[in-house]
Amino acid sequence: MPSDENDVYRKLQQHLDEMPIGYPATKSGVEIRLLKFFFTPEEAEIALLLDYQPEPLRRIYKKVKKVKDIPIEQLETMLDGMLKKGSVNGGKNPATGEKFFAAAFLAVGMFEYQVNRLTPEFVRDFEQYMDEAFIHEFKKSGVPQLRTVPIEQAVENENLIATYDDVRKIIETRSPITVAPCICRKAKKLIGEGCNHVSETCLQFGTAAYVYKENGFGREITKDEALAILKKAEDDGLVMQPGNSQKPGWICCCCGCCCGVLTAAKKLPNPGEVFSTNHMSSINMEKCIGCGTCIDRCPMGALKLNDDNKAEINLKRCIGCGVCVPACPESAVKLVKRGEEKVPPANNLDMYMRIMEGKARALQKEREKTS
């Protein structure tokens, strides 16, 4: 095990960077400050031995005891504490009661779990790291971790939208469900940059819901309550972002003013690269009166008025969220299909495998350029 404190955090950074959603180093070293917030040096030593796929406690102990002489009870206590403060993933086998644990990605993962532990210093460090390195990690593989699906009010024809792009159908087919306050809006409010959008909008399903409920990150709700939250979020102009799989573990209802991913992506020349979407906005120029309402509503700055005082869309910036559609007083905006249908991975594991394959392809291309 590494003995030097800075050494163990650097080794942990490198370990996390080998995972599907990596954790790249920066010139500023902000990523190490974040790790020190999540882990004590002793916890970091244990985290070095965790995989992103869950493993039973006893299997983890077999790895730990080869390098650290501690009883399994002490290891269990440490892992329970790390899970409680949102530094790792974990849960229980419902049939046997055996505990399992896994490494958590920075996002979606450790950051979202800090809903009860935020500090101004942590929030500023996370924002710096998002701009400096993490947003580029999001788009490296070409397989996004998040999807953007249209809000219900933007869909005129139910045949336009597939089941995996319909947040209502996702909610109706998943259980249990929990809800938590939006970590991004809570973080922004903490540093004096908050907004007035509805707060309790982050939904989790299945294993993720278990983690949120058991560790006090969120509360369990019914499907009807989840649908009511969804309706409120849509009325508030929020972007629907489920995990990029046919059985997503979460749906984030995000605003362009606070969401870490949206605000960082907005600074990129082509934000569409960060998201997977099957839709895009289309303007009826005959109906458009140039009021600019859709421009104010768009979270990606994808709309502007042209020389004819008509709304114009930059499709490289449009993420197909549809929040501009119900805002238009003349019904001049609608959603249309964007080329070939993008069918999301079957589940989270499939998504992470595709991300790893995409990163390998990207690395090979870089090697070919420099050879």
Protein backbone atom coordinates (compact mmCIF):
# COMPACT_ATOMS: atom_id res chain seq x y z
CA MET A 1 0.00 0.00 0.00
CA PRO A 2 1.26 3.55 -0.71
CA SER A 3 2.50 5.26 2.44
CA ASP A 4 2.87 8.86 1.35
CA GLU A 5 -0.45 10.74 1.54
CA ASN A 6 -0.13 12.54 -1.81
CA ASP A 7 1.12 9.32 -3.39
CA VAL A 8 -1.99 7.38 -2.39
CA TYR A 9 -4.31 10.04 -3.81
CA ARG A 10 -2.38 10.15 -7.09
CA LYS A 11 -2.55 6.35 -7.34
CA LEU A 12 -6.28 6.52 -6.66
CA GLN A 13 -6.69 9.16 -9.37
CA GLN A 14 -4.92 6.86 -11.83
CA HIS A 15 -7.04 3.89 -10.70
CA LEU A 16 -10.28 5.81 -11.21
CA ASP A 17 -9.07 7.10 -14.56
CA GLU A 18 -8.93 3.53 -15.88
CA MET A 19 -12.67 3.12 -15.38
CA PRO A 20 -15.37 3.71 -18.02
CA ILE A 21 -16.04 7.23 -16.75
CA GLY A 22 -12.44 8.23 -16.12
CA TYR A 23 -10.86 10.69 -13.74
CA PRO A 24 -8.12 12.53 -15.66
CA ALA A 25 -5.28 14.44 -14.06
CA THR A 26 -4.97 18.23 -14.42
CA LYS A 27 -2.14 20.75 -14.29
CA SER A 28 -3.80 22.51 -11.35
CA GLY A 29 -4.16 19.37 -9.21
CA VAL A 30 -7.81 20.14 -8.40
CA GLU A 31 -8.66 16.46 -8.84
CA ILE A 32 -6.51 15.62 -5.80
CA ARG A 33 -8.33 18.19 -3.66
CA LEU A 34 -11.61 16.52 -4.60
CA LEU A 35 -10.28 13.08 -3.66
CA LYS A 36 -9.18 14.41 -0.27
CA PHE A 37 -12.75 15.58 0.27
CA PHE A 38 -14.12 12.12 -0.54
CA PHE A 39 -11.50 9.90 1.14
CA THR A 40 -9.16 9.85 4.12
CA PRO A 41 -5.72 8.43 3.22
CA GLU A 42 -6.67 5.07 4.76
CA GLU A 43 -9.98 5.01 2.84
CA ALA A 44 -8.10 5.86 -0.36
CA GLU A 45 -5.94 2.77 0.16
CA ILE A 46 -9.07 0.62 0.30
CA ALA A 47 -10.67 2.39 -2.69
CA LEU A 48 -7.62 1.45 -4.76
CA LEU A 49 -8.81 -2.17 -4.58
CA LEU A 50 -12.42 -1.56 -5.64
CA ASP A 51 -13.74 -2.27 -9.13
CA TYR A 52 -16.60 -0.33 -10.72
CA GLN A 53 -18.61 -3.55 -10.83
CA PRO A 54 -19.97 -4.56 -7.39
CA GLU A 55 -18.16 -7.27 -5.47
CA PRO A 56 -19.16 -9.08 -2.24
CA LEU A 57 -17.46 -7.93 0.96
CA ARG A 58 -15.62 -11.24 1.36
CA ARG A 59 -14.12 -11.04 -2.11
CA ILE A 60 -12.92 -7.50 -1.45
CA TYR A 61 -11.45 -8.66 1.87
CA LYS A 62 -9.37 -11.31 0.08
CA LYS A 63 -7.72 -8.54 -1.92
CA VAL A 64 -7.29 -6.24 1.06
CA LYS A 65 -5.70 -8.79 3.38
CA LYS A 66 -2.89 -9.37 0.87
CA VAL A 67 -1.69 -5.81 1.43
CA LYS A 68 -3.22 -4.66 4.71
CA ASP A 69 -3.57 -6.59 7.98
CA ILE A 70 -7.07 -5.64 9.21
CA PRO A 71 -9.99 -7.84 10.32
CA ILE A 72 -12.97 -8.14 7.99
CA GLU A 73 -15.17 -6.38 10.57
CA GLN A 74 -12.94 -3.29 10.39
CA LEU A 75 -13.02 -3.36 6.59
CA GLU A 76 -16.82 -3.62 6.65
CA THR A 77 -17.05 -0.62 9.00
CA MET A 78 -14.78 1.42 6.74
CA LEU A 79 -16.72 0.55 3.59
CA ASP A 80 -20.04 1.26 5.33
CA GLY A 81 -18.70 4.69 6.30
CA MET A 82 -17.50 5.40 2.77
CA LEU A 83 -20.91 4.38 1.41
CA LYS A 84 -22.69 6.59 3.94
CA LYS A 85 -20.73 9.67 2.86
CA GLY A 86 -21.10 8.88 -0.85
CA SER A 87 -17.51 7.94 -1.72
CA VAL A 88 -18.36 4.46 -3.04
CA ASN A 89 -21.31 2.48 -4.34
CA GLY A 90 -22.80 -0.44 -2.45
CA GLY A 91 -25.82 -2.35 -1.27
CA LYS A 92 -27.11 -5.70 -0.01
CA ASN A 93 -28.09 -8.94 -1.71
CA PRO A 94 -31.85 -9.08 -0.90
CA ALA A 95 -31.78 -12.89 -0.74
CA THR A 96 -28.70 -13.47 1.42
CA GLY A 97 -28.16 -10.11 3.10
CA GLU A 98 -24.51 -10.14 1.96
CA LYS A 99 -23.06 -6.68 1.37
CA PHE A 100 -21.39 -5.64 -1.86
CA PHE A 101 -19.37 -2.56 -2.74
CA ALA A 102 -17.90 -0.88 -5.81
CA ALA A 103 -15.95 2.17 -6.84
CA ALA A 104 -18.13 5.14 -7.80
CA PHE A 105 -17.44 7.45 -10.73
CA LEU A 106 -17.14 11.15 -9.99
CA ALA A 107 -20.34 11.79 -11.95
CA VAL A 108 -22.84 10.36 -12.15
CA GLY A 109 -21.82 9.11 -8.69
CA MET A 110 -19.73 10.66 -5.93
CA PHE A 111 -20.71 14.24 -6.75
CA GLU A 112 -24.44 13.52 -6.67
CA TYR A 113 -24.10 11.63 -3.38
CA GLN A 114 -22.81 14.80 -1.65
CA VAL A 115 -26.30 16.27 -1.42
CA ASN A 116 -25.96 16.48 2.38
CA ARG A 117 -22.22 17.29 2.59
CA LEU A 118 -21.68 20.24 0.26
CA THR A 119 -19.24 23.02 1.14
CA PRO A 120 -18.47 26.17 -0.89
CA GLU A 121 -14.86 25.01 -1.37
CA PHE A 122 -15.96 21.63 -2.71
CA VAL A 123 -18.47 23.22 -5.09
CA ARG A 124 -15.86 25.58 -6.56
CA ASP A 125 -13.33 22.74 -6.91
CA PHE A 126 -15.90 20.58 -8.71
CA GLU A 127 -16.80 23.39 -11.12
CA GLN A 128 -13.12 23.99 -11.85
CA TYR A 129 -12.53 20.30 -12.50
CA MET A 130 -15.59 20.03 -14.72
CA ASP A 131 -14.34 22.86 -16.96
CA GLU A 132 -10.69 21.86 -16.83
CA ALA A 133 -10.96 18.15 -17.54
CA PHE A 134 -14.12 16.22 -16.74
CA ILE A 135 -16.42 17.52 -19.49
CA HIS A 136 -13.84 16.36 -22.03
CA GLU A 137 -13.84 12.91 -20.39
CA PHE A 138 -17.61 12.83 -20.91
CA LYS A 139 -17.26 13.06 -24.69
CA LYS A 140 -14.02 11.14 -25.20
CA SER A 141 -15.56 7.77 -26.05
CA GLY A 142 -18.29 8.99 -28.39
CA VAL A 143 -20.77 7.04 -26.22
CA PRO A 144 -22.41 9.54 -23.84
CA GLN A 145 -23.27 8.59 -20.26
CA LEU A 146 -26.43 10.72 -20.50
CA ARG A 147 -29.29 10.92 -22.99
CA THR A 148 -31.46 13.91 -23.68
CA VAL A 149 -35.11 12.99 -24.19
CA PRO A 150 -37.92 15.37 -25.11
CA ILE A 151 -40.32 16.72 -22.54
CA GLU A 152 -43.86 15.37 -22.96
CA GLN A 153 -45.28 18.75 -23.95
CA ALA A 154 -42.95 18.84 -26.97
CA VAL A 155 -44.22 15.59 -28.50
CA GLU A 156 -47.30 15.98 -30.70
CA ASN A 157 -47.45 12.38 -31.93
CA GLU A 158 -46.77 9.51 -29.53
CA ASN A 159 -45.46 7.46 -32.47
CA LEU A 160 -42.60 9.98 -32.79
CA ILE A 161 -40.97 8.75 -29.61
CA ALA A 162 -39.60 5.32 -28.69
CA THR A 163 -40.25 3.78 -25.27
CA TYR A 164 -36.66 4.41 -24.12
CA ASP A 165 -37.05 8.10 -25.01
CA ASP A 166 -40.32 8.47 -23.09
CA VAL A 167 -39.65 9.47 -19.47
CA ARG A 168 -43.24 8.69 -18.45
CA LYS A 169 -42.91 5.09 -19.66
CA ILE A 170 -39.50 4.79 -17.99
CA ILE A 171 -41.04 5.80 -14.67
CA GLU A 172 -44.01 3.47 -15.10
CA THR A 173 -41.75 0.44 -15.63
CA ARG A 174 -39.12 0.98 -12.88
CA SER A 175 -39.16 0.42 -9.14
CA PRO A 176 -38.42 1.30 -6.44
CA ILE A 177 -38.18 5.06 -7.04
CA THR A 178 -36.52 7.73 -4.93
CA VAL A 179 -36.22 11.48 -5.35
CA ALA A 180 -33.49 13.82 -4.16
CA PRO A 181 -32.87 17.55 -4.37
CA CYS A 182 -30.97 18.61 -7.49
CA ILE A 183 -27.34 18.60 -6.36
CA CYS A 184 -26.39 21.25 -8.94
CA ARG A 185 -29.05 23.75 -7.89
CA LYS A 186 -28.22 23.13 -4.25
CA ALA A 187 -24.51 23.66 -4.96
CA LYS A 188 -25.09 26.89 -6.88
CA LYS A 189 -27.31 28.23 -4.13
CA LEU A 190 -24.55 27.52 -1.61
CA ILE A 191 -22.15 29.84 -3.46
CA GLY A 192 -24.76 32.54 -4.07
CA GLU A 193 -25.54 31.67 -7.70
CA GLY A 194 -28.78 29.72 -7.31
CA CYS A 195 -31.94 29.91 -9.39
CA ASN A 196 -35.66 29.71 -8.68
CA HIS A 197 -36.31 26.43 -10.48
CA VAL A 198 -38.02 23.63 -8.57
CA SER A 199 -35.46 21.79 -6.41
CA GLU A 200 -36.56 18.20 -5.69
CA THR A 201 -36.35 16.73 -9.20
CA CYS A 202 -33.63 14.04 -9.34
CA LEU A 203 -35.17 10.56 -9.70
CA GLN A 204 -33.42 7.24 -9.08
CA PHE A 205 -34.52 3.68 -9.83
CA GLY A 206 -33.63 0.14 -8.78
CA THR A 207 -30.18 -0.24 -7.18
CA ALA A 208 -29.55 3.50 -7.34
CA ALA A 209 -32.80 4.10 -5.46
CA TYR A 210 -31.67 1.64 -2.79
CA VAL A 211 -28.38 3.55 -2.33
CA TYR A 212 -30.22 6.87 -2.04
CA LYS A 213 -32.83 5.61 0.42
CA GLU A 214 -30.53 3.59 2.68
CA ASN A 215 -27.96 6.38 3.00
CA GLY A 216 -30.30 9.32 3.40
CA PHE A 217 -29.51 10.92 0.04
CA GLY A 218 -33.17 10.84 -1.04
CA ARG A 219 -36.63 9.55 -0.10
CA GLU A 220 -38.75 6.79 -1.61
CA ILE A 221 -41.83 7.87 -3.58
CA THR A 222 -44.65 6.27 -5.56
CA LYS A 223 -44.92 6.24 -9.34
CA ASP A 224 -47.73 8.82 -9.15
CA GLU A 225 -45.52 11.12 -7.08
CA ALA A 226 -42.70 10.66 -9.58
CA LEU A 227 -45.01 11.55 -12.48
CA ALA A 228 -46.20 14.66 -10.61
CA ILE A 229 -42.56 15.72 -10.07
CA LEU A 230 -41.90 15.12 -13.76
CA LYS A 231 -44.86 17.30 -14.76
CA LYS A 232 -43.69 20.10 -12.45
CA ALA A 233 -40.17 19.90 -13.88
CA GLU A 234 -41.48 20.09 -17.44
CA ASP A 235 -43.63 23.11 -16.60
CA ASP A 236 -40.51 24.70 -15.13
CA GLY A 237 -38.63 24.30 -18.43
CA LEU A 238 -36.16 21.68 -17.22
CA VAL A 239 -34.20 19.32 -19.49
CA MET A 240 -34.88 15.59 -19.10
CA GLN A 241 -31.61 13.61 -18.89
CA PRO A 242 -31.88 9.88 -18.07
CA GLY A 243 -28.88 7.59 -18.04
CA ASN A 244 -27.99 6.41 -21.53
CA SER A 245 -29.54 2.94 -21.37
CA GLN A 246 -32.91 1.32 -21.98
CA LYS A 247 -33.19 0.73 -18.23
CA PRO A 248 -31.68 3.90 -16.77
CA GLY A 249 -30.81 4.13 -13.09
CA TRP A 250 -31.73 7.80 -12.90
CA ILE A 251 -33.44 10.73 -14.57
CA CYS A 252 -31.99 14.18 -13.97
CA CYS A 253 -34.27 17.17 -14.54
CA CYS A 254 -31.74 19.88 -15.30
CA CYS A 255 -31.64 23.64 -15.81
CA GLY A 256 -29.17 25.39 -18.08
CA CYS A 257 -28.22 27.85 -15.34
CA CYS A 258 -27.04 25.36 -12.68
CA CYS A 259 -26.49 21.88 -14.14
CA GLY A 260 -22.77 21.09 -14.14
CA VAL A 261 -22.96 19.09 -17.37
CA LEU A 262 -25.19 21.56 -19.24
CA THR A 263 -23.22 24.66 -18.22
CA ALA A 264 -19.88 23.03 -19.07
CA ALA A 265 -21.20 21.63 -22.37
CA LYS A 266 -22.58 25.04 -23.33
CA LYS A 267 -19.00 26.34 -23.44
CA LEU A 268 -18.09 23.75 -26.10
CA PRO A 269 -18.43 24.59 -29.81
CA ASN A 270 -20.65 21.53 -30.43
CA PRO A 271 -22.53 20.55 -27.24
CA GLY A 272 -24.42 17.84 -29.13
CA GLU A 273 -21.29 15.67 -28.89
CA VAL A 274 -21.78 15.29 -25.14
CA PHE A 275 -25.35 14.01 -25.33
CA SER A 276 -27.17 11.21 -27.09
CA THR A 277 -30.46 12.37 -28.59
CA ASN A 278 -32.87 11.26 -31.29
CA HIS A 279 -34.55 14.64 -31.76
CA MET A 280 -33.92 18.19 -32.82
CA SER A 281 -35.95 21.37 -33.02
CA SER A 282 -37.38 22.69 -36.26
CA ILE A 283 -38.71 26.21 -36.95
CA ASN A 284 -41.73 27.01 -39.14
CA MET A 285 -40.50 30.29 -40.63
CA GLU A 286 -43.99 31.31 -41.74
CA LYS A 287 -45.33 31.11 -38.19
CA CYS A 288 -42.28 32.58 -36.42
CA ILE A 289 -42.75 36.21 -35.34
CA GLY A 290 -39.23 36.68 -33.97
CA CYS A 291 -40.31 37.19 -30.36
CA GLY A 292 -37.18 35.47 -29.01
CA THR A 293 -39.03 33.38 -26.40
CA CYS A 294 -37.40 30.16 -27.64
CA ILE A 295 -33.97 31.82 -27.49
CA ASP A 296 -34.43 32.66 -23.82
CA ARG A 297 -35.65 29.12 -23.09
CA CYS A 298 -32.84 27.17 -24.84
CA PRO A 299 -30.21 25.85 -22.37
CA MET A 300 -27.52 25.45 -25.05
CA GLY A 301 -27.70 28.78 -26.87
CA ALA A 302 -28.71 26.88 -30.01
CA LEU A 303 -31.18 29.54 -31.20
CA LYS A 304 -30.73 33.10 -32.45
CA LEU A 305 -32.60 35.61 -34.61
CA ASN A 306 -31.41 35.84 -38.22
CA ASP A 307 -31.36 38.90 -40.47
CA ASP A 308 -35.05 38.39 -41.25
CA ASN A 309 -35.89 38.50 -37.54
CA LYS A 310 -36.75 34.81 -37.52
CA ALA A 311 -35.54 32.18 -35.09
CA GLU A 312 -32.70 30.07 -36.48
CA ILE A 313 -31.30 26.81 -35.04
CA ASN A 314 -27.66 25.73 -34.86
CA LEU A 315 -28.14 21.96 -34.96
CA LYS A 316 -24.61 21.33 -33.65
CA ARG A 317 -25.75 22.95 -30.41
CA CYS A 318 -29.31 21.58 -30.26
CA ILE A 319 -29.65 18.65 -27.82
CA GLY A 320 -33.26 17.77 -28.65
CA CYS A 321 -34.69 18.54 -25.21
CA GLY A 322 -37.81 20.25 -26.59
CA VAL A 323 -38.09 22.90 -23.86
CA CYS A 324 -38.39 25.55 -26.59
CA VAL A 325 -41.54 23.96 -28.06
CA PRO A 326 -44.25 24.75 -25.45
CA ALA A 327 -42.73 28.19 -24.88
CA CYS A 328 -43.46 29.40 -28.42
CA PRO A 329 -46.65 31.56 -28.45
CA GLU A 330 -47.19 30.90 -32.17
CA SER A 331 -46.51 27.13 -32.15
CA ALA A 332 -43.73 27.75 -34.65
CA VAL A 333 -41.30 25.26 -33.07
CA LYS A 334 -41.61 21.50 -33.12
CA LEU A 335 -39.41 18.46 -32.56
CA VAL A 336 -38.45 16.20 -35.45
CA LYS A 337 -36.40 13.02 -35.66
CA ARG A 338 -32.65 13.48 -36.00
CA GLY A 339 -31.43 11.07 -38.69
CA GLU A 340 -30.86 7.40 -37.85
CA GLU A 341 -32.40 6.20 -34.59
CA LYS A 342 -29.89 5.92 -31.75
CA VAL A 343 -30.91 2.89 -29.72
CA PRO A 344 -29.39 3.16 -26.24
CA PRO A 345 -27.45 0.30 -24.60
CA ALA A 346 -29.60 -2.36 -22.94
CA ASN A 347 -28.47 -1.54 -19.40
CA ASN A 348 -25.77 0.32 -17.46
CA LEU A 349 -23.20 -2.47 -17.77
CA ASP A 350 -23.70 -2.56 -21.54
CA MET A 351 -23.33 1.24 -21.63
CA TYR A 352 -20.07 1.18 -19.68
CA MET A 353 -18.67 -1.59 -21.90
CA ARG A 354 -19.48 0.49 -24.99
CA ILE A 355 -17.85 3.52 -23.40
CA MET A 356 -14.67 1.52 -22.73
CA GLU A 357 -14.64 0.29 -26.33
CA GLY A 358 -15.15 3.84 -27.59
CA LYS A 359 -12.27 5.13 -25.47
CA ALA A 360 -10.02 2.36 -26.81
CA ARG A 361 -10.88 3.36 -30.38
CA ALA A 362 -10.20 7.01 -29.61
CA LEU A 363 -6.83 6.14 -28.05
CA GLN A 364 -5.88 4.05 -31.09
CA LYS A 365 -6.70 6.97 -33.41
CA GLU A 366 -4.52 9.28 -31.34
CA ARG A 367 -1.65 6.81 -31.53
CA GLU A 368 -2.05 6.55 -35.30
CA LYS A 369 -1.89 10.35 -35.63
CA THR A 370 1.37 10.56 -33.71
CA SER A 371 3.05 7.50 -35.27
